[in-house]
Amino acid sequence: MHDQVWPECLAKLKEELPSQQYNTWLRPLQGECLENALHLYAPNKFVLDWVKEKFLNRINEILSELSLDQQA
């Protein structure tokens, strides 16, 4: 997994979501690639829990798509 995967994922989410949702929940997240995995950091537990509940499945889908694009 490369260092640009989180910015690429964010760009896709920004296209898909209303700007208020994106700016409130996803823009504050920080991503870091460590040992071939993406680690996301939220500013607080409330944001973390909300993102897990509402967006984690879509984030994982996008990451899978991006990794397939990298392999092609």
PDB file of N, CA and C in Angstrom:
ATOM      1  N   MET A   1       0.848  -1.177   0.000  1.00  0.00           N
ATOM      2  CA  MET A   1       0.000   0.000   0.000  1.00  0.00           C
ATOM      3  C   MET A   1       0.893   1.239   0.000  1.00  0.00           C
ATOM      4  N   HIS A   2       0.578   2.190  -0.843  1.00  0.00           N
ATOM      5  CA  HIS A   2       1.440   3.361  -0.979  1.00  0.00           C
ATOM      6  C   HIS A   2       0.899   4.543  -0.164  1.00  0.00           C
ATOM      7  N   ASP A   3       1.748   5.530   0.030  1.00  0.00           N
ATOM      8  CA  ASP A   3       1.428   6.668   0.893  1.00  0.00           C
ATOM      9  C   ASP A   3       0.284   7.529   0.375  1.00  0.00           C
ATOM     10  N   GLN A   4       0.018   7.472  -0.908  1.00  0.00           N
ATOM     11  CA  GLN A   4      -1.044   8.309  -1.481  1.00  0.00           C
ATOM     12  C   GLN A   4      -2.417   7.650  -1.436  1.00  0.00           C
ATOM     13  N   VAL A   5      -2.525   6.462  -0.868  1.00  0.00           N
ATOM     14  CA  VAL A   5      -3.794   5.743  -0.900  1.00  0.00           C
ATOM     15  C   VAL A   5      -4.885   6.486  -0.112  1.00  0.00           C
ATOM     16  N   TRP A   6      -4.560   7.062   1.024  1.00  0.00           N
ATOM     17  CA  TRP A   6      -5.580   7.776   1.790  1.00  0.00           C
ATOM     18  C   TRP A   6      -6.038   9.042   1.067  1.00  0.00           C
ATOM     19  N   PRO A   7      -5.130   9.873   0.553  1.00  0.00           N
ATOM     20  CA  PRO A   7      -5.607  11.027  -0.228  1.00  0.00           C
ATOM     21  C   PRO A   7      -6.463  10.620  -1.435  1.00  0.00           C
ATOM     22  N   GLU A   8      -6.116   9.520  -2.094  1.00  0.00           N
ATOM     23  CA  GLU A   8      -6.911   9.046  -3.222  1.00  0.00           C
ATOM     24  C   GLU A   8      -8.290   8.587  -2.756  1.00  0.00           C
ATOM     25  N   CYS A   9      -8.332   7.905  -1.634  1.00  0.00           N
ATOM     26  CA  CYS A   9      -9.597   7.452  -1.063  1.00  0.00           C
ATOM     27  C   CYS A   9     -10.458   8.658  -0.686  1.00  0.00           C
ATOM     28  N   LEU A  10      -9.859   9.643  -0.049  1.00  0.00           N
ATOM     29  CA  LEU A  10     -10.588  10.860   0.323  1.00  0.00           C
ATOM     30  C   LEU A  10     -11.154  11.564  -0.907  1.00  0.00           C
ATOM     31  N   ALA A  11     -10.397  11.608  -1.982  1.00  0.00           N
ATOM     32  CA  ALA A  11     -10.858  12.265  -3.202  1.00  0.00           C
ATOM     33  C   ALA A  11     -12.117  11.581  -3.739  1.00  0.00           C
ATOM     34  N   LYS A  12     -12.128  10.255  -3.716  1.00  0.00           N
ATOM     35  CA  LYS A  12     -13.312   9.527  -4.167  1.00  0.00           C
ATOM     36  C   LYS A  12     -14.509   9.791  -3.249  1.00  0.00           C
ATOM     37  N   LEU A  13     -14.271   9.781  -1.951  1.00  0.00           N
ATOM     38  CA  LEU A  13     -15.351  10.035  -1.001  1.00  0.00           C
ATOM     39  C   LEU A  13     -15.892  11.454  -1.150  1.00  0.00           C
ATOM     40  N   LYS A  14     -15.020  12.397  -1.429  1.00  0.00           N
ATOM     41  CA  LYS A  14     -15.446  13.785  -1.613  1.00  0.00           C
ATOM     42  C   LYS A  14     -16.386  13.909  -2.802  1.00  0.00           C
ATOM     43  N   GLU A  15     -16.133  13.132  -3.854  1.00  0.00           N
ATOM     44  CA  GLU A  15     -17.007  13.128  -5.033  1.00  0.00           C
ATOM     45  C   GLU A  15     -18.375  12.521  -4.721  1.00  0.00           C
ATOM     46  N   GLU A  16     -18.407  11.545  -3.816  1.00  0.00           N
ATOM     47  CA  GLU A  16     -19.623  10.776  -3.556  1.00  0.00           C
ATOM     48  C   GLU A  16     -20.535  11.396  -2.504  1.00  0.00           C
ATOM     49  N   LEU A  17     -19.975  12.150  -1.585  1.00  0.00           N
ATOM     50  CA  LEU A  17     -20.736  12.605  -0.424  1.00  0.00           C
ATOM     51  C   LEU A  17     -21.059  14.094  -0.498  1.00  0.00           C
ATOM     52  N   PRO A  18     -22.153  14.481   0.153  1.00  0.00           N
ATOM     53  CA  PRO A  18     -22.403  15.919   0.299  1.00  0.00           C
ATOM     54  C   PRO A  18     -21.248  16.570   1.053  1.00  0.00           C
ATOM     55  N   SER A  19     -20.940  17.813   0.693  1.00  0.00           N
ATOM     56  CA  SER A  19     -19.769  18.470   1.277  1.00  0.00           C
ATOM     57  C   SER A  19     -19.853  18.569   2.799  1.00  0.00           C
ATOM     58  N   GLN A  20     -21.048  18.753   3.342  1.00  0.00           N
ATOM     59  CA  GLN A  20     -21.170  18.852   4.794  1.00  0.00           C
ATOM     60  C   GLN A  20     -20.752  17.547   5.471  1.00  0.00           C
ATOM     61  N   GLN A  21     -21.194  16.403   4.941  1.00  0.00           N
ATOM     62  CA  GLN A  21     -20.795  15.108   5.514  1.00  0.00           C
ATOM     63  C   GLN A  21     -19.295  14.898   5.385  1.00  0.00           C
ATOM     64  N   TYR A  22     -18.775  15.167   4.203  1.00  0.00           N
ATOM     65  CA  TYR A  22     -17.346  14.986   3.974  1.00  0.00           C
ATOM     66  C   TYR A  22     -16.526  15.847   4.937  1.00  0.00           C
ATOM     67  N   ASN A  23     -16.851  17.127   5.016  1.00  0.00           N
ATOM     68  CA  ASN A  23     -16.077  18.047   5.852  1.00  0.00           C
ATOM     69  C   ASN A  23     -16.209  17.745   7.338  1.00  0.00           C
ATOM     70  N   THR A  24     -17.360  17.268   7.766  1.00  0.00           N
ATOM     71  CA  THR A  24     -17.583  16.988   9.183  1.00  0.00           C
ATOM     72  C   THR A  24     -16.903  15.699   9.629  1.00  0.00           C
ATOM     73  N   TRP A  25     -17.034  14.646   8.832  1.00  0.00           N
ATOM     74  CA  TRP A  25     -16.628  13.319   9.303  1.00  0.00           C
ATOM     75  C   TRP A  25     -15.324  12.804   8.713  1.00  0.00           C
ATOM     76  N   LEU A  26     -15.047  13.089   7.463  1.00  0.00           N
ATOM     77  CA  LEU A  26     -13.895  12.456   6.811  1.00  0.00           C
ATOM     78  C   LEU A  26     -12.674  13.359   6.697  1.00  0.00           C
ATOM     79  N   ARG A  27     -12.899  14.612   6.441  1.00  0.00           N
ATOM     80  CA  ARG A  27     -11.760  15.528   6.295  1.00  0.00           C
ATOM     81  C   ARG A  27     -10.875  15.586   7.541  1.00  0.00           C
ATOM     82  N   PRO A  28     -11.437  15.494   8.762  1.00  0.00           N
ATOM     83  CA  PRO A  28     -10.573  15.541   9.956  1.00  0.00           C
ATOM     84  C   PRO A  28      -9.705  14.297  10.162  1.00  0.00           C
ATOM     85  N   LEU A  29      -9.995  13.212   9.446  1.00  0.00           N
ATOM     86  CA  LEU A  29      -9.233  11.978   9.642  1.00  0.00           C
ATOM     87  C   LEU A  29      -7.827  12.114   9.074  1.00  0.00           C
ATOM     88  N   GLN A  30      -6.898  11.471   9.733  1.00  0.00           N
ATOM     89  CA  GLN A  30      -5.518  11.385   9.246  1.00  0.00           C
ATOM     90  C   GLN A  30      -5.235   9.928   8.910  1.00  0.00           C
ATOM     91  N   GLY A  31      -4.545   9.692   7.814  1.00  0.00           N
ATOM     92  CA  GLY A  31      -4.206   8.341   7.410  1.00  0.00           C
ATOM     93  C   GLY A  31      -2.705   8.141   7.351  1.00  0.00           C
ATOM     94  N   GLU A  32      -2.270   6.945   7.723  1.00  0.00           N
ATOM     95  CA  GLU A  32      -0.847   6.605   7.705  1.00  0.00           C
ATOM     96  C   GLU A  32      -0.706   5.152   7.266  1.00  0.00           C
ATOM     97  N   CYS A  33       0.169   4.913   6.298  1.00  0.00           N
ATOM     98  CA  CYS A  33       0.448   3.549   5.851  1.00  0.00           C
ATOM     99  C   CYS A  33       1.577   2.970   6.684  1.00  0.00           C
ATOM    100  N   LEU A  34       1.290   1.888   7.362  1.00  0.00           N
ATOM    101  CA  LEU A  34       2.284   1.180   8.163  1.00  0.00           C
ATOM    102  C   LEU A  34       2.171  -0.307   7.892  1.00  0.00           C
ATOM    103  N   GLU A  35       3.280  -0.927   7.567  1.00  0.00           N
ATOM    104  CA  GLU A  35       3.331  -2.378   7.351  1.00  0.00           C
ATOM    105  C   GLU A  35       2.207  -2.854   6.435  1.00  0.00           C
ATOM    106  N   ASN A  36       2.081  -2.187   5.298  1.00  0.00           N
ATOM    107  CA  ASN A  36       1.116  -2.565   4.270  1.00  0.00           C
ATOM    108  C   ASN A  36      -0.343  -2.484   4.729  1.00  0.00           C
ATOM    109  N   ALA A  37      -0.619  -1.606   5.689  1.00  0.00           N
ATOM    110  CA  ALA A  37      -1.985  -1.383   6.156  1.00  0.00           C
ATOM    111  C   ALA A  37      -2.192   0.120   6.349  1.00  0.00           C
ATOM    112  N   LEU A  38      -3.417   0.553   6.136  1.00  0.00           N
ATOM    113  CA  LEU A  38      -3.752   1.955   6.353  1.00  0.00           C
ATOM    114  C   LEU A  38      -4.330   2.108   7.754  1.00  0.00           C
ATOM    115  N   HIS A  39      -3.741   2.988   8.530  1.00  0.00           N
ATOM    116  CA  HIS A  39      -4.223   3.300   9.876  1.00  0.00           C
ATOM    117  C   HIS A  39      -4.862   4.682   9.824  1.00  0.00           C
ATOM    118  N   LEU A  40      -6.101   4.767  10.286  1.00  0.00           N
ATOM    119  CA  LEU A  40      -6.806   6.037  10.313  1.00  0.00           C
ATOM    120  C   LEU A  40      -6.888   6.543  11.739  1.00  0.00           C
ATOM    121  N   TYR A  41      -6.722   7.843  11.888  1.00  0.00           N
ATOM    122  CA  TYR A  41      -6.762   8.486  13.199  1.00  0.00           C
ATOM    123  C   TYR A  41      -7.840   9.561  13.181  1.00  0.00           C
ATOM    124  N   ALA A  42      -8.717   9.521  14.165  1.00  0.00           N
ATOM    125  CA  ALA A  42      -9.802  10.489  14.285  1.00  0.00           C
ATOM    126  C   ALA A  42      -9.494  11.446  15.427  1.00  0.00           C
ATOM    127  N   PRO A  43     -10.058  12.655  15.379  1.00  0.00           N
ATOM    128  CA  PRO A  43      -9.774  13.622  16.429  1.00  0.00           C
ATOM    129  C   PRO A  43     -10.378  13.267  17.786  1.00  0.00           C
ATOM    130  N   ASN A  44     -11.407  12.405  17.775  1.00  0.00           N
ATOM    131  CA  ASN A  44     -12.009  11.986  19.043  1.00  0.00           C
ATOM    132  C   ASN A  44     -12.821  10.705  18.828  1.00  0.00           C
ATOM    133  N   LYS A  45     -13.263  10.115  19.922  1.00  0.00           N
ATOM    134  CA  LYS A  45     -13.978   8.836  19.864  1.00  0.00           C
ATOM    135  C   LYS A  45     -15.326   8.968  19.153  1.00  0.00           C
ATOM    136  N   PHE A  46     -15.983  10.088  19.325  1.00  0.00           N
ATOM    137  CA  PHE A  46     -17.276  10.289  18.671  1.00  0.00           C
ATOM    138  C   PHE A  46     -17.132  10.208  17.149  1.00  0.00           C
ATOM    139  N   VAL A  47     -16.152  10.916  16.613  1.00  0.00           N
ATOM    140  CA  VAL A  47     -15.901  10.874  15.164  1.00  0.00           C
ATOM    141  C   VAL A  47     -15.495   9.470  14.748  1.00  0.00           C
ATOM    142  N   LEU A  48     -14.633   8.845  15.511  1.00  0.00           N
ATOM    143  CA  LEU A  48     -14.196   7.482  15.205  1.00  0.00           C
ATOM    144  C   LEU A  48     -15.380   6.524  15.117  1.00  0.00           C
ATOM    145  N   ASP A  49     -16.243   6.557  16.118  1.00  0.00           N
ATOM    146  CA  ASP A  49     -17.402   5.657  16.131  1.00  0.00           C
ATOM    147  C   ASP A  49     -18.347   5.938  14.972  1.00  0.00           C
ATOM    148  N   TRP A  50     -18.575   7.212  14.666  1.00  0.00           N
ATOM    149  CA  TRP A  50     -19.472   7.579  13.568  1.00  0.00           C
ATOM    150  C   TRP A  50     -18.910   7.091  12.231  1.00  0.00           C
ATOM    151  N   VAL A  51     -17.628   7.316  12.018  1.00  0.00           N
ATOM    152  CA  VAL A  51     -17.000   6.889  10.764  1.00  0.00           C
ATOM    153  C   VAL A  51     -17.058   5.369  10.640  1.00  0.00           C
ATOM    154  N   LYS A  52     -16.770   4.666  11.716  1.00  0.00           N
ATOM    155  CA  LYS A  52     -16.852   3.200  11.676  1.00  0.00           C
ATOM    156  C   LYS A  52     -18.244   2.738  11.272  1.00  0.00           C
ATOM    157  N   GLU A  53     -19.254   3.345  11.871  1.00  0.00           N
ATOM    158  CA  GLU A  53     -20.635   2.920  11.630  1.00  0.00           C
ATOM    159  C   GLU A  53     -21.122   3.289  10.232  1.00  0.00           C
ATOM    160  N   LYS A  54     -20.804   4.492   9.783  1.00  0.00           N
ATOM    161  CA  LYS A  54     -21.402   5.013   8.545  1.00  0.00           C
ATOM    162  C   LYS A  54     -20.536   4.861   7.299  1.00  0.00           C
ATOM    163  N   PHE A  55     -19.228   4.871   7.454  1.00  0.00           N
ATOM    164  CA  PHE A  55     -18.361   4.975   6.277  1.00  0.00           C
ATOM    165  C   PHE A  55     -17.322   3.869   6.126  1.00  0.00           C
ATOM    166  N   LEU A  56     -17.099   3.067   7.140  1.00  0.00           N
ATOM    167  CA  LEU A  56     -15.994   2.108   7.076  1.00  0.00           C
ATOM    168  C   LEU A  56     -16.147   1.114   5.928  1.00  0.00           C
ATOM    169  N   ASN A  57     -17.350   0.629   5.692  1.00  0.00           N
ATOM    170  CA  ASN A  57     -17.533  -0.316   4.589  1.00  0.00           C
ATOM    171  C   ASN A  57     -17.154   0.314   3.258  1.00  0.00           C
ATOM    172  N   ARG A  58     -17.581   1.550   3.035  1.00  0.00           N
ATOM    173  CA  ARG A  58     -17.254   2.221   1.766  1.00  0.00           C
ATOM    174  C   ARG A  58     -15.761   2.514   1.667  1.00  0.00           C
ATOM    175  N   ILE A  59     -15.145   2.905   2.766  1.00  0.00           N
ATOM    176  CA  ILE A  59     -13.702   3.142   2.769  1.00  0.00           C
ATOM    177  C   ILE A  59     -12.969   1.858   2.374  1.00  0.00           C
ATOM    178  N   ASN A  60     -13.371   0.736   2.946  1.00  0.00           N
ATOM    179  CA  ASN A  60     -12.744  -0.545   2.604  1.00  0.00           C
ATOM    180  C   ASN A  60     -12.950  -0.903   1.139  1.00  0.00           C
ATOM    181  N   GLU A  61     -14.139  -0.637   0.598  1.00  0.00           N
ATOM    182  CA  GLU A  61     -14.398  -0.901  -0.819  1.00  0.00           C
ATOM    183  C   GLU A  61     -13.460  -0.084  -1.708  1.00  0.00           C
ATOM    184  N   ILE A  62     -13.327   1.190  -1.390  1.00  0.00           N
ATOM    185  CA  ILE A  62     -12.464   2.064  -2.185  1.00  0.00           C
ATOM    186  C   ILE A  62     -11.014   1.610  -2.090  1.00  0.00           C
ATOM    187  N   LEU A  63     -10.566   1.254  -0.890  1.00  0.00           N
ATOM    188  CA  LEU A  63      -9.195   0.776  -0.731  1.00  0.00           C
ATOM    189  C   LEU A  63      -8.952  -0.483  -1.556  1.00  0.00           C
ATOM    190  N   SER A  64      -9.936  -1.375  -1.603  1.00  0.00           N
ATOM    191  CA  SER A  64      -9.808  -2.582  -2.424  1.00  0.00           C
ATOM    192  C   SER A  64      -9.702  -2.219  -3.902  1.00  0.00           C
ATOM    193  N   GLU A  65     -10.542  -1.274  -4.342  1.00  0.00           N
ATOM    194  CA  GLU A  65     -10.493  -0.838  -5.737  1.00  0.00           C
ATOM    195  C   GLU A  65      -9.127  -0.234  -6.057  1.00  0.00           C
ATOM    196  N   LEU A  66      -8.627   0.594  -5.164  1.00  0.00           N
ATOM    197  CA  LEU A  66      -7.332   1.237  -5.391  1.00  0.00           C
ATOM    198  C   LEU A  66      -6.205   0.219  -5.435  1.00  0.00           C
ATOM    199  N   SER A  67      -6.260  -0.794  -4.584  1.00  0.00           N
ATOM    200  CA  SER A  67      -5.192  -1.795  -4.585  1.00  0.00           C
ATOM    201  C   SER A  67      -5.257  -2.646  -5.860  1.00  0.00           C
ATOM    202  N   LEU A  68      -6.469  -2.886  -6.375  1.00  0.00           N
ATOM    203  CA  LEU A  68      -6.579  -3.614  -7.635  1.00  0.00           C
ATOM    204  C   LEU A  68      -6.038  -2.769  -8.784  1.00  0.00           C
ATOM    205  N   ASP A  69      -6.299  -1.467  -8.752  1.00  0.00           N
ATOM    206  CA  ASP A  69      -5.766  -0.578  -9.777  1.00  0.00           C
ATOM    207  C   ASP A  69      -4.241  -0.588  -9.762  1.00  0.00           C
ATOM    208  N   GLN A  70      -3.642  -0.653  -8.568  1.00  0.00           N
ATOM    209  CA  GLN A  70      -2.185  -0.660  -8.444  1.00  0.00           C
ATOM    210  C   GLN A  70      -1.588  -1.950  -9.024  1.00  0.00           C
ATOM    211  N   GLN A  71      -2.320  -3.054  -8.910  1.00  0.00           N
ATOM    212  CA  GLN A  71      -1.803  -4.338  -9.379  1.00  0.00           C
ATOM    213  C   GLN A  71      -1.912  -4.466 -10.904  1.00  0.00           C
ATOM    214  N   ALA A  72      -2.863  -3.757 -11.484  1.00  0.00           N
ATOM    215  CA  ALA A  72      -3.103  -3.891 -12.942  1.00  0.00           C
ATOM    216  C   ALA A  72      -2.012  -3.235 -13.749  1.00  0.00           C
TER     217      ALA A  72
END
